[in-house]
Amino acid sequence: GRMRPGEPIVCVSAAARHRRAAFQAVDFCMDHLKSSSWFWKREMRGGEWSWIEPRDEDHEDLARWQ
């Protein structure tokens, strides 16, 4: 569906025995979503749809996990 500017896009949550592990899990998920997921990469401007490509920083963030 359509979303408006300012609407929440994603909610990522995690549970773990230790908070650091939960923070890292959420961090990994967000890095993956920002660089590898297609479902939020399209926007309409001026009546036309266009795909938003990940930035170099998005790929660098994901590379931390490999």
N, C-alpha and C. Protein backbone atom coordinates (compact mmCIF):
# COMPACT_ATOMS: atom_id res chain seq x y z
N GLY A 1 0.80 -1.18 0.00
CA GLY A 1 0.00 0.00 0.00
C GLY A 1 0.85 1.25 0.00
N ARG A 2 0.20 2.34 -0.04
CA ARG A 2 0.89 3.63 -0.05
C ARG A 2 1.16 4.11 1.36
N MET A 3 2.28 4.76 1.49
CA MET A 3 2.65 5.35 2.77
C MET A 3 2.89 6.83 2.55
N ARG A 4 2.68 7.58 3.58
CA ARG A 4 2.89 9.02 3.54
C ARG A 4 4.18 9.37 4.28
N PRO A 5 4.83 10.47 3.92
CA PRO A 5 6.03 10.89 4.65
C PRO A 5 5.75 10.99 6.15
N GLY A 6 6.67 10.46 6.92
CA GLY A 6 6.54 10.50 8.38
C GLY A 6 5.88 9.28 8.98
N GLU A 7 5.26 8.42 8.15
CA GLU A 7 4.65 7.21 8.68
C GLU A 7 5.74 6.19 9.02
N PRO A 8 5.51 5.37 10.04
CA PRO A 8 6.49 4.33 10.36
C PRO A 8 6.66 3.36 9.19
N ILE A 9 7.90 3.02 8.90
CA ILE A 9 8.18 2.11 7.80
C ILE A 9 8.40 0.69 8.29
N VAL A 10 9.14 0.57 9.36
CA VAL A 10 9.51 -0.76 9.81
C VAL A 10 9.69 -0.74 11.33
N CYS A 11 9.40 -1.89 11.92
CA CYS A 11 9.68 -2.09 13.34
C CYS A 11 10.45 -3.39 13.46
N VAL A 12 11.62 -3.32 14.02
CA VAL A 12 12.44 -4.50 14.22
C VAL A 12 12.67 -4.64 15.72
N SER A 13 12.39 -5.80 16.25
CA SER A 13 12.63 -6.03 17.67
C SER A 13 13.27 -7.41 17.84
N ALA A 14 13.97 -7.55 18.95
CA ALA A 14 14.64 -8.81 19.23
C ALA A 14 14.67 -9.03 20.74
N ALA A 15 14.75 -10.27 21.12
CA ALA A 15 14.88 -10.63 22.52
C ALA A 15 16.08 -11.56 22.65
N ALA A 16 16.83 -11.37 23.72
CA ALA A 16 18.00 -12.20 23.97
C ALA A 16 18.29 -12.19 25.47
N ARG A 17 19.10 -13.12 25.90
CA ARG A 17 19.48 -13.16 27.32
C ARG A 17 20.23 -11.90 27.74
N HIS A 18 20.99 -11.36 26.81
CA HIS A 18 21.78 -10.17 27.10
C HIS A 18 21.42 -9.06 26.12
N ARG A 19 21.30 -7.84 26.60
CA ARG A 19 20.84 -6.74 25.76
C ARG A 19 21.74 -6.49 24.56
N ARG A 20 23.05 -6.67 24.72
CA ARG A 20 23.96 -6.42 23.60
C ARG A 20 23.63 -7.33 22.42
N ALA A 21 23.32 -8.60 22.68
CA ALA A 21 22.97 -9.53 21.60
C ALA A 21 21.68 -9.09 20.92
N ALA A 22 20.73 -8.60 21.69
CA ALA A 22 19.48 -8.11 21.09
C ALA A 22 19.74 -6.88 20.23
N PHE A 23 20.56 -5.95 20.73
CA PHE A 23 20.90 -4.76 19.94
C PHE A 23 21.59 -5.15 18.65
N GLN A 24 22.51 -6.11 18.71
CA GLN A 24 23.22 -6.55 17.51
C GLN A 24 22.28 -7.22 16.51
N ALA A 25 21.32 -7.98 17.01
CA ALA A 25 20.35 -8.62 16.12
C ALA A 25 19.52 -7.58 15.38
N VAL A 26 19.07 -6.56 16.08
CA VAL A 26 18.29 -5.50 15.45
C VAL A 26 19.16 -4.72 14.46
N ASP A 27 20.40 -4.45 14.84
CA ASP A 27 21.33 -3.74 13.97
C ASP A 27 21.54 -4.51 12.67
N PHE A 28 21.75 -5.83 12.79
CA PHE A 28 21.93 -6.68 11.60
C PHE A 28 20.68 -6.62 10.71
N CYS A 29 19.52 -6.76 11.31
CA CYS A 29 18.28 -6.75 10.52
C CYS A 29 18.11 -5.43 9.77
N MET A 30 18.38 -4.31 10.43
CA MET A 30 18.24 -3.02 9.76
C MET A 30 19.25 -2.87 8.63
N ASP A 31 20.50 -3.33 8.84
CA ASP A 31 21.49 -3.27 7.77
C ASP A 31 21.05 -4.10 6.58
N HIS A 32 20.49 -5.27 6.84
CA HIS A 32 19.99 -6.12 5.75
C HIS A 32 18.82 -5.44 5.03
N LEU A 33 17.89 -4.91 5.78
CA LEU A 33 16.73 -4.26 5.16
C LEU A 33 17.14 -3.07 4.30
N LYS A 34 18.08 -2.27 4.77
CA LYS A 34 18.49 -1.08 4.05
C LYS A 34 19.23 -1.38 2.76
N SER A 35 19.86 -2.55 2.65
CA SER A 35 20.67 -2.81 1.46
C SER A 35 20.19 -3.98 0.61
N SER A 36 19.41 -4.88 1.16
CA SER A 36 19.07 -6.09 0.42
C SER A 36 17.58 -6.33 0.21
N SER A 37 16.74 -5.60 0.87
CA SER A 37 15.29 -5.85 0.76
C SER A 37 14.68 -4.94 -0.29
N TRP A 38 13.82 -5.48 -1.06
CA TRP A 38 13.24 -4.73 -2.18
C TRP A 38 11.94 -4.05 -1.82
N PHE A 39 11.25 -4.47 -0.78
CA PHE A 39 9.88 -4.04 -0.57
C PHE A 39 9.69 -2.59 -0.20
N TRP A 40 10.72 -1.86 0.15
CA TRP A 40 10.52 -0.46 0.51
C TRP A 40 11.39 0.45 -0.34
N LYS A 41 11.75 -0.02 -1.49
CA LYS A 41 12.68 0.71 -2.34
C LYS A 41 12.01 1.43 -3.50
N ARG A 42 10.72 1.58 -3.45
CA ARG A 42 10.03 2.24 -4.56
C ARG A 42 9.26 3.44 -4.03
N GLU A 43 9.33 4.53 -4.78
CA GLU A 43 8.58 5.71 -4.36
C GLU A 43 7.97 6.39 -5.57
N MET A 44 6.92 7.16 -5.29
CA MET A 44 6.27 7.91 -6.35
C MET A 44 6.57 9.39 -6.16
N ARG A 45 7.08 9.99 -7.21
CA ARG A 45 7.34 11.43 -7.22
C ARG A 45 6.85 11.99 -8.53
N GLY A 46 6.10 13.06 -8.44
CA GLY A 46 5.58 13.68 -9.65
C GLY A 46 4.71 12.75 -10.47
N GLY A 47 4.02 11.82 -9.80
CA GLY A 47 3.13 10.89 -10.51
C GLY A 47 3.83 9.71 -11.15
N GLU A 48 5.14 9.58 -10.95
CA GLU A 48 5.88 8.47 -11.55
C GLU A 48 6.57 7.65 -10.47
N TRP A 49 6.58 6.33 -10.66
CA TRP A 49 7.24 5.42 -9.73
C TRP A 49 8.71 5.30 -10.10
N SER A 50 9.56 5.23 -9.10
CA SER A 50 10.98 4.98 -9.33
C SER A 50 11.52 4.12 -8.20
N TRP A 51 12.56 3.36 -8.51
CA TRP A 51 13.19 2.49 -7.52
C TRP A 51 14.33 3.23 -6.86
N ILE A 52 14.45 3.08 -5.56
CA ILE A 52 15.51 3.69 -4.77
C ILE A 52 16.60 2.66 -4.56
N GLU A 53 17.79 2.99 -5.00
CA GLU A 53 18.92 2.07 -4.86
C GLU A 53 19.61 2.29 -3.52
N PRO A 54 20.15 1.23 -2.94
CA PRO A 54 20.90 1.39 -1.69
C PRO A 54 22.11 2.30 -1.90
N ARG A 55 22.45 3.04 -0.87
CA ARG A 55 23.63 3.91 -0.92
C ARG A 55 24.88 3.07 -0.65
N ASP A 56 26.04 3.61 -0.97
CA ASP A 56 27.29 2.91 -0.67
C ASP A 56 27.39 2.60 0.82
N GLU A 57 26.94 3.54 1.66
CA GLU A 57 27.00 3.34 3.10
C GLU A 57 26.14 2.16 3.54
N ASP A 58 25.01 1.94 2.85
CA ASP A 58 24.15 0.80 3.18
C ASP A 58 24.88 -0.52 2.93
N HIS A 59 25.58 -0.59 1.80
CA HIS A 59 26.35 -1.82 1.49
C HIS A 59 27.50 -2.00 2.46
N GLU A 60 28.15 -0.90 2.84
CA GLU A 60 29.26 -0.99 3.81
C GLU A 60 28.76 -1.49 5.16
N ASP A 61 27.59 -0.99 5.58
CA ASP A 61 27.03 -1.45 6.85
C ASP A 61 26.73 -2.94 6.82
N LEU A 62 26.18 -3.43 5.72
CA LEU A 62 25.87 -4.85 5.61
C LEU A 62 27.15 -5.68 5.58
N ALA A 63 28.19 -5.18 4.95
CA ALA A 63 29.44 -5.92 4.84
C ALA A 63 30.08 -6.21 6.20
N ARG A 64 29.74 -5.42 7.21
CA ARG A 64 30.27 -5.66 8.55
C ARG A 64 29.91 -7.06 9.05
N TRP A 65 28.81 -7.60 8.58
CA TRP A 65 28.29 -8.87 9.10
C TRP A 65 28.78 -10.08 8.33
N GLN A 66 29.56 -9.88 7.28
CA GLN A 66 30.00 -11.00 6.47
C GLN A 66 31.40 -11.43 6.79
